[in-house]
Protein backbone atom coordinates (compact mmCIF):
# COMPACT_ATOMS: atom_id res chain seq x y z
CA MET A 1 30.39 -9.60 18.05
CA PHE A 2 32.08 -7.87 15.72
CA ALA A 3 34.08 -4.46 17.63
CA PRO A 4 35.13 -2.54 15.33
CA SER A 5 32.15 -0.94 14.69
CA THR A 6 28.57 -1.47 15.78
CA VAL A 7 26.49 -2.82 12.93
CA SER A 8 23.16 -4.38 15.12
CA HIS A 9 20.37 -3.69 13.94
CA ASN A 10 18.05 -2.41 17.43
CA GLY A 11 20.39 -4.13 19.83
CA GLY A 12 21.39 -7.29 17.56
CA GLY A 13 19.14 -8.74 14.37
CA TRP A 14 18.81 -12.08 13.59
CA VAL A 15 21.86 -12.51 11.72
CA ALA A 16 23.90 -12.10 14.81
CA SER A 17 21.69 -14.22 16.78
CA LEU A 18 21.95 -17.04 14.26
CA GLU A 19 25.79 -16.55 14.02
CA GLY A 20 25.36 -17.22 17.90
CA ILE A 21 23.59 -20.78 16.79
CA VAL A 22 26.29 -21.99 14.10
CA ARG A 23 29.37 -20.88 15.87
CA THR A 24 28.38 -23.17 17.99
CA LEU A 25 27.81 -26.60 15.53
CA PRO A 26 30.11 -29.12 16.19
CA ASP A 27 32.98 -29.40 12.97
CA VAL A 28 32.09 -26.03 11.59
CA GLU A 29 34.20 -23.14 10.76
CA LEU A 30 32.87 -19.94 10.57
CA GLY A 31 33.35 -17.41 8.10
CA ILE A 32 30.91 -14.03 7.56
CA ALA A 33 30.88 -11.34 5.27
CA PHE A 34 29.47 -8.08 5.18
CA GLU A 35 29.05 -4.94 4.12
CA LEU A 36 31.02 -1.79 6.12
CA GLY A 37 33.79 0.51 5.11
CA GLY A 38 36.64 1.81 7.02
CA CYS A 39 38.31 -1.70 8.38
CA ASN A 40 41.00 -4.24 7.55
CA PHE A 41 40.38 -6.52 4.82
CA LYS A 42 39.75 -9.30 8.02
CA TYR A 43 39.50 -9.91 11.80
CA GLU A 44 39.81 -13.31 13.76
CA GLN A 45 37.33 -13.23 16.96
CA THR A 46 36.61 -16.04 19.23
CA GLY A 47 37.04 -18.67 16.01
CA VAL A 48 35.46 -16.46 13.48
CA CYS A 49 36.66 -14.96 10.93
CA TYR A 50 35.28 -11.84 9.71
CA TYR A 51 35.21 -10.09 6.20
CA PRO A 52 33.74 -6.66 6.13
CA LEU A 53 34.10 -5.42 2.41
CA SER A 54 34.34 -1.58 2.04
CA CYS A 55 33.67 -1.62 -1.67
CA LEU A 56 30.19 -2.68 -1.19
CA ARG A 57 28.83 0.56 -0.20
CA PRO A 58 28.71 2.87 -3.14
CA SER A 59 28.84 6.73 -2.61
CA ARG A 60 24.81 8.41 -1.48
CA VAL A 61 25.00 9.95 -5.28
CA ALA A 62 25.77 6.77 -6.57
CA ARG A 63 23.17 5.25 -4.36
CA LEU A 64 20.54 7.77 -5.54
CA PHE A 65 21.34 6.47 -9.20
CA GLY A 66 21.10 3.33 -8.40
CA LYS A 67 25.20 2.90 -9.31
CA CYS A 68 27.63 0.23 -7.89
CA ASN A 69 30.67 -1.59 -9.42
CA ILE A 70 30.03 -5.13 -10.19
CA GLU A 71 33.52 -5.92 -10.93
CA GLU A 72 34.83 -4.54 -7.86
CA ARG A 73 32.53 -6.67 -6.03
CA LYS A 74 33.68 -9.63 -7.93
CA GLU A 75 37.11 -9.45 -7.14
CA GLN A 76 36.11 -8.84 -3.14
CA TYR A 77 34.12 -12.23 -3.14
CA LEU A 78 36.92 -14.03 -4.97
CA ARG A 79 39.21 -12.73 -2.33
CA VAL A 80 37.50 -13.68 0.41
CA ILE A 81 36.96 -17.09 -1.02
CA ASP A 82 40.32 -17.65 -1.95
CA ASP A 83 41.27 -16.33 2.13
CA PHE A 84 39.00 -18.43 3.86
CA LYS A 85 38.36 -21.59 1.15
CA PRO A 86 35.22 -22.76 2.38
CA ASP A 87 33.39 -25.84 1.88
CA LEU A 88 29.73 -24.06 1.25
CA ILE A 89 28.71 -20.25 0.69
CA GLN A 90 25.45 -19.42 2.66
CA ILE A 91 24.16 -15.86 1.18
CA PHE A 92 21.67 -14.29 2.49
CA GLY A 93 19.09 -12.70 0.65
CA SER A 94 18.49 -13.65 -3.20
CA GLU A 95 18.12 -9.61 -3.64
CA ASN A 96 21.39 -8.82 -3.48
CA ASP A 97 24.47 -8.52 -5.23
CA PHE A 98 26.17 -11.62 -3.33
CA GLY A 99 24.00 -14.06 -5.94
CA ILE A 100 27.06 -13.33 -8.36
CA ILE A 101 29.00 -15.79 -6.40
CA CYS A 102 26.97 -18.46 -8.13
CA SER A 103 28.21 -17.78 -11.07
CA LEU A 104 32.04 -17.46 -10.00
CA THR A 105 33.31 -20.34 -8.13
CA ASP A 106 32.38 -23.74 -8.37
CA ILE A 107 31.56 -24.20 -4.47
CA PRO A 108 28.23 -25.00 -3.26
CA VAL A 109 26.17 -22.17 -2.85
CA ILE A 110 23.25 -22.01 -1.01
CA ILE A 111 20.73 -19.24 -1.19
CA HIS A 112 18.94 -18.46 2.53
CA MET A 113 15.83 -16.88 1.54
CA GLN A 114 14.50 -13.45 3.00
CA GLY A 115 11.76 -11.26 0.92
CA CYS A 116 11.32 -11.74 -2.67
CA LEU A 117 11.60 -8.69 -4.81
CA PRO A 118 9.30 -10.00 -7.87
CA PRO A 119 5.86 -9.86 -5.56
CA CYS A 120 7.07 -6.96 -3.41
CA HIS A 121 7.11 -5.06 -7.12
CA ASN A 122 3.70 -6.04 -7.52
CA ALA A 123 2.77 -4.51 -4.49
CA LEU A 124 5.12 -1.69 -4.40
CA PHE A 125 2.56 1.18 -3.54
CA PRO A 126 -0.42 1.25 -1.66
CA VAL A 127 -3.79 1.76 -3.20
CA GLY A 128 -4.11 5.15 -4.71
CA MET A 129 -0.48 5.99 -4.57
CA ASN A 130 2.03 5.95 -7.16
CA SER A 131 4.79 8.21 -8.66
CA LYS A 132 4.00 11.05 -9.18
CA ASP A 133 2.86 11.62 -5.66
CA PHE A 134 6.24 11.99 -4.86
CA LEU A 135 6.35 14.75 -7.00
CA PHE A 136 3.36 16.67 -5.84
CA CYS A 137 3.05 15.40 -2.09
CA GLY A 138 4.90 17.46 0.21
CA GLY A 139 6.32 15.97 3.91
CA LEU A 140 9.80 13.54 2.08
CA SER A 141 13.09 14.97 2.54
CA LEU A 142 14.77 15.27 -1.49
CA CYS A 143 16.38 12.37 -0.98
CA ARG A 144 13.10 10.33 0.02
CA ARG A 145 11.59 11.98 -3.10
CA TRP A 146 14.06 10.88 -5.28
CA MET A 147 13.90 7.71 -4.15
CA GLY A 148 10.36 7.48 -4.72
CA LEU A 149 10.20 8.61 -7.83
CA ARG A 150 12.69 5.86 -8.74
CA SER A 151 11.03 3.21 -6.76
CA GLU A 152 9.07 1.37 -9.41
CA SER A 153 11.76 0.91 -12.32
CA THR A 154 14.47 0.49 -9.91
CA PHE A 155 12.31 -2.42 -8.29
CA ARG A 156 11.37 -3.66 -11.68
CA LYS A 157 15.43 -4.14 -12.13
CA GLN A 158 16.12 -5.77 -9.12
CA ALA A 159 13.43 -7.73 -8.98
CA GLU A 160 14.93 -9.22 -12.43
CA ARG A 161 18.20 -9.56 -11.16
CA GLU A 162 16.98 -11.37 -8.67
CA ILE A 163 15.04 -14.12 -10.67
CA THR A 164 18.43 -14.64 -12.65
CA THR A 165 20.13 -15.23 -9.16
CA ILE A 166 17.83 -17.71 -8.35
CA GLN A 167 17.54 -19.51 -11.24
CA SER A 168 21.57 -19.86 -11.49
CA CYS A 169 21.55 -21.20 -8.34
CA ARG A 170 20.71 -24.72 -7.01
CA TYR A 171 20.41 -24.72 -3.17
CA PHE A 172 18.05 -22.59 -1.26
CA LEU A 173 16.85 -22.05 2.68
CA GLY A 174 13.93 -21.19 3.56
CA ARG A 175 10.86 -20.67 6.07
CA THR A 176 7.68 -20.60 4.50
CA GLU A 177 4.94 -21.83 1.97
CA TRP A 178 5.39 -18.59 -0.12
CA ASP A 179 8.84 -18.58 -0.36
CA LYS A 180 8.98 -22.42 -1.19
CA ALA A 181 6.43 -21.55 -3.84
CA LEU A 182 8.67 -18.79 -5.39
CA VAL A 183 11.52 -20.56 -5.13
CA LYS A 184 10.22 -23.42 -7.27
CA LEU A 185 8.20 -21.26 -9.58
CA PHE A 186 11.96 -19.68 -10.75
CA ASN A 187 13.83 -22.64 -10.56
CA PRO A 188 12.01 -25.37 -11.11
CA GLN A 189 14.87 -27.91 -10.50
CA ALA A 190 16.08 -25.89 -7.16
CA CYS A 191 16.53 -28.20 -3.82
CA TYR A 192 14.57 -26.43 -0.88
CA PHE A 193 15.50 -26.99 2.30
CA HIS A 194 12.98 -26.02 5.16
CA SER A 195 14.81 -24.11 7.85
CA GLU A 196 13.07 -21.97 10.88
CA GLU A 197 14.69 -18.06 11.99
CA ALA A 198 16.66 -17.51 14.46
CA LEU A 199 15.24 -14.45 16.77
CA ARG A 200 16.99 -12.01 19.24
CA PRO A 201 17.51 -13.50 22.85
CA SER A 202 16.09 -10.70 24.36
CA PHE A 203 12.60 -12.24 23.01
CA PHE A 204 13.18 -15.71 23.28
CA GLN A 205 14.61 -15.82 26.73
CA SER A 206 12.45 -12.70 28.55
CA ASP A 207 11.15 -13.08 31.67
CA LYS A 208 8.37 -10.39 30.76
CA LEU A 209 5.64 -11.81 29.04
CA TRP A 210 2.21 -10.16 27.90
CA GLY A 211 -0.28 -10.78 30.38
CA MET A 212 2.17 -10.50 33.00
CA PHE A 213 1.03 -6.78 33.41
CA ASP A 214 -2.74 -4.79 33.80
CA LEU A 215 -3.64 -3.44 30.72
CA LYS A 216 -6.65 -1.97 32.48
CA SER A 217 -6.78 1.93 30.88
CA GLU A 218 -8.32 4.39 29.14
CA LYS A 219 -6.76 3.68 26.02
CA VAL A 220 -6.32 0.49 23.80
CA ARG A 221 -2.33 0.33 23.30
CA ILE A 222 -1.31 -0.96 19.78
CA VAL A 223 2.08 -2.15 18.46
CA SER A 224 3.34 -2.17 14.92
CA VAL A 225 6.92 -2.57 13.94
CA ILE A 226 7.11 -1.63 10.40
CA SER A 227 9.91 -0.09 7.85
CA ASN A 228 10.10 2.46 5.55
CA PRO A 229 9.11 0.49 2.07
CA TRP A 230 5.84 2.22 0.91
CA TYR A 231 4.59 -1.37 0.90
CA LYS A 232 5.05 -1.89 4.51
CA GLY A 233 1.33 -0.28 5.41
CA LEU A 234 1.39 2.75 7.09
CA ASP A 235 -1.11 3.87 5.39
CA LEU A 236 -3.38 1.04 6.46
CA ILE A 237 -2.45 1.80 10.02
CA LEU A 238 -3.73 5.32 9.55
CA LYS A 239 -6.79 4.79 8.10
CA THR A 240 -7.47 1.92 10.62
CA ALA A 241 -7.32 4.33 13.05
CA GLU A 242 -9.05 6.89 11.88
CA LEU A 243 -12.09 4.43 12.27
CA LEU A 244 -11.17 3.30 15.15
CA ARG A 245 -11.54 6.90 16.51
CA ARG A 246 -15.09 7.31 14.87
CA PHE A 247 -16.63 3.50 15.83
CA ALA A 248 -14.43 2.27 18.60
CA PRO A 249 -15.91 2.35 22.01
CA PHE A 250 -12.48 3.42 23.28
CA ARG A 251 -9.53 5.55 22.35
CA VAL A 252 -6.47 4.11 20.85
CA GLU A 253 -2.69 4.25 21.42
CA TRP A 254 -0.75 3.05 18.45
CA ASN A 255 2.86 3.33 18.72
CA VAL A 256 4.72 2.64 15.35
CA TYR A 257 8.14 1.20 15.92
CA GLY A 258 10.84 1.64 12.97
CA VAL A 259 9.19 4.64 11.11
CA ASN A 260 9.82 8.29 11.52
CA ASP A 261 10.28 10.60 8.60
CA ILE A 262 7.73 9.23 6.04
CA VAL A 263 5.07 10.12 8.46
CA PRO A 264 4.24 13.61 6.83
CA PHE A 265 4.30 12.47 3.52
CA PHE A 266 1.38 9.80 4.22
CA GLU A 267 -0.63 11.98 6.22
CA ARG A 268 -0.59 14.53 3.47
CA LYS A 269 -1.82 11.58 0.91
CA TYR A 270 -4.01 10.55 2.94
CA GLY A 271 -5.50 13.56 4.66
CA ILE A 272 -5.19 11.86 8.04
CA ARG A 273 -3.37 13.54 10.26
CA ALA A 274 -1.20 10.76 12.79
CA SER A 275 -1.52 12.26 16.49
CA GLU A 276 -5.42 13.10 15.66
CA VAL A 277 -6.14 9.64 15.43
CA GLY A 278 -3.89 8.32 18.38
CA VAL A 279 -1.04 6.83 15.59
CA TYR A 280 2.86 7.91 17.18
CA PRO A 281 6.00 7.22 14.94
CA MET A 282 8.59 5.53 17.36
CA GLY A 283 11.75 5.05 15.49
CA SER A 284 14.52 2.88 16.00
CA VAL A 285 14.59 1.34 19.55
CA SER A 286 16.71 -0.84 21.65
CA GLN A 287 15.29 -4.99 21.74
CA ASP A 288 14.79 -4.10 25.26
CA VAL A 289 12.73 -1.35 25.17
CA LEU A 290 10.55 -2.68 22.24
CA VAL A 291 9.77 -5.90 24.60
CA GLU A 292 8.48 -3.59 27.16
CA ALA A 293 6.41 -1.99 24.77
CA LEU A 294 5.00 -4.85 23.48
CA CYS A 295 4.20 -6.61 27.13
CA HIS A 296 2.37 -3.04 27.67
CA ALA A 297 0.10 -3.64 24.35
CA HIS A 298 -3.11 -5.17 23.92
CA CYS A 299 -2.45 -6.17 20.64
CA PHE A 300 -0.20 -6.37 17.90
CA VAL A 301 -0.72 -5.50 14.33
CA ALA A 302 1.16 -6.41 11.41
CA PRO A 303 -0.37 -4.12 8.37
CA SER A 304 2.24 -5.28 5.53
CA TYR A 305 1.32 -5.75 1.87
CA ILE A 306 3.68 -8.41 1.20
CA ASP A 307 6.36 -10.05 3.31
CA ASN A 308 7.56 -13.28 3.35
CA SER A 309 7.99 -13.93 7.37
CA PRO A 310 8.26 -10.95 9.63
CA ASN A 311 10.57 -11.55 12.70
CA SER A 312 8.25 -8.41 14.06
CA VAL A 313 5.39 -11.11 14.11
CA CYS A 314 7.38 -13.99 15.78
CA GLU A 315 8.91 -11.98 18.55
CA ALA A 316 5.14 -10.63 19.49
CA GLN A 317 4.19 -14.15 19.45
CA LEU A 318 7.17 -15.31 22.00
CA LEU A 319 6.24 -12.48 23.89
CA GLY A 320 2.32 -14.03 23.96
CA LEU A 321 1.17 -11.11 22.29
CA PRO A 322 -2.07 -11.68 20.27
CA VAL A 323 -1.11 -10.65 16.64
CA LEU A 324 -3.32 -9.44 13.78
CA ALA A 325 -1.79 -9.74 10.22
CA THR A 326 -2.56 -8.92 6.97
CA ASN A 327 -2.61 -12.07 5.20
CA VAL A 328 0.26 -12.10 2.36
CA GLY A 329 3.11 -13.21 1.65
CA GLY A 330 4.71 -16.22 3.85
CA VAL A 331 2.69 -15.06 7.00
CA SER A 332 -0.04 -17.55 6.88
CA SER A 333 2.94 -20.04 7.63
CA LEU A 334 3.33 -18.35 10.83
CA VAL A 335 0.08 -17.06 12.00
CA LYS A 336 -3.34 -19.57 11.94
CA ASP A 337 -5.84 -17.64 11.22
CA GLY A 338 -8.38 -17.99 14.61
CA GLU A 339 -5.67 -20.29 16.31
CA THR A 340 -2.30 -18.05 17.01
CA GLY A 341 -3.93 -15.34 15.49
CA ILE A 342 -6.43 -13.46 13.03
CA LEU A 343 -5.46 -13.08 9.39
CA VAL A 344 -7.21 -10.09 7.54
CA PRO A 345 -6.92 -9.01 3.83
CA ALA A 346 -4.22 -6.47 2.71
CA ASN A 347 -5.77 -2.96 2.33
CA ASP A 348 -8.75 -2.80 4.28
CA PRO A 349 -9.05 -1.45 7.48
CA TYR A 350 -12.57 -1.92 8.27
CA ILE A 351 -11.61 -5.52 8.62
CA LEU A 352 -8.77 -4.81 10.34
CA ALA A 353 -10.65 -2.53 12.69
CA SER A 354 -13.93 -4.54 13.51
CA HIS A 355 -10.97 -7.31 14.60
CA ILE A 356 -9.53 -4.92 16.77
CA VAL A 357 -12.84 -3.43 18.26
CA ALA A 358 -13.61 -7.44 18.94
CA LEU A 359 -10.51 -8.61 20.18
CA GLN A 360 -11.11 -6.09 23.02
CA ALA A 361 -14.39 -6.82 23.70
CA ASP A 362 -13.31 -10.35 24.04
CA PRO A 363 -10.05 -10.85 26.78
CA GLY A 364 -10.56 -14.59 26.96
CA ARG A 365 -10.26 -14.64 23.13
CA ALA A 366 -7.04 -12.44 23.45
CA ARG A 367 -5.31 -14.58 25.66
CA SER A 368 -6.02 -17.82 24.09
CA LEU A 369 -4.77 -16.44 20.84
CA GLY A 370 -1.80 -15.22 22.42
CA HIS A 371 -0.62 -18.38 24.67
CA ALA A 372 -1.34 -20.54 21.90
CA ALA A 373 0.77 -18.42 19.45
CA ARG A 374 3.50 -18.23 21.83
CA GLU A 375 3.76 -22.10 22.15
CA GLN A 376 4.00 -22.36 18.35
CA ALA A 377 6.63 -19.61 18.76
CA LEU A 378 8.84 -21.38 20.98
CA ALA A 379 9.04 -24.47 18.94
CA ARG A 380 9.41 -22.74 16.21
CA HIS A 381 12.77 -20.92 16.98
CA ASN A 382 14.05 -23.02 19.19
CA PRO A 383 17.77 -22.58 18.41
CA GLU A 384 18.57 -25.72 18.94
CA SER A 385 16.16 -27.43 16.37
CA ILE A 386 17.62 -24.39 14.31
CA GLY A 387 20.88 -25.86 14.74
CA GLN A 388 20.44 -29.42 14.18
CA THR A 389 18.47 -28.45 11.15
CA LEU A 390 21.23 -26.27 9.41
CA LEU A 391 24.24 -28.70 10.61
CA SER A 392 21.76 -31.52 8.15
CA VAL A 393 21.46 -29.24 5.31
CA TYR A 394 25.01 -28.07 5.43
CA LYS A 395 26.01 -31.99 5.48
CA LYS A 396 23.89 -32.53 2.91
CA VAL A 397 24.83 -30.06 0.44
CA VAL A 398 28.68 -30.58 0.63
CA ARG A 399 27.89 -34.26 0.41
CA HIS A 400 25.54 -34.14 -2.92
CA ALA A 401 27.37 -31.06 -4.45
């Protein structure tokens, strides 16, 4: 929706979907500040004020050393607030520097919880991996190698900063029992409101669904969508695929979207070559390509060691695809084991592989899980319901601040 530059993720992300909902709410005037360099201070389009904040993007060298100009950020934040004069400020994510706004203004601030870094720090490296691997194990660019070496210390500092941010804010929006529990742990006096996540229209409104296509083939097609952090479970995918190669009565084609250049590192670290076990890194693709891939897969696997409510799981559920996911973080708020999907322990490739084999031997169960998940996801991510919930929350916060 913002013209000067394309800032969407894979054809548009959940934030853009949420913007589409909020901008239609009655009596709501919307301003959006975000990180983007090379633009003017303010743009007005279709009733929305956009504020691209160029100071938020430090140089590559500064990012490598974890440095940023907090004072300049504060000035930019206050400039936006002074220009837009909001009644309420909504911050997406408690892990970023936007959280300092809580201490800069008396305007009520509500933090929309995303992930949470303290648990991510706890689950940063897969079993058998540590910072030394980034010195001695090949397969990474110099930039990623440096990021890996700094991962533990960087996450530790950011995790402590996030706790401070949560403690400084009064109002929170979340969507899982996990993020609610974390907010209450760090800030027992906080007011927590439940609101479901907006998803990309291509998934919610898709005319293609899982089960519409003939899935008979020589290979069982599995799809995962993960990102580059070490805790997202690429190692679990490789280990599980290796077990399926050895013991499953079928061959596997496991397409992994969202990653590419970190695969050689994991191959060397765990001694499993991706292509030899049927794992293929697909990189980033458009949402339409992903819809097509999901609808032609046999199942979806979410392998992360920690997550709040991965949108990739919700999108697979919307299409009716049977989901297998590690039982971590807030995933159990999305997947009811044996009813709307299958939950497995983190870092247990043996159980995951056995569930994949069993599911392929029972097509009726796969259809039942996928159907139930789709019905739940349609209700959970209904745009009208999300809009009404948000409007109610906004009014409560403004009224009681």
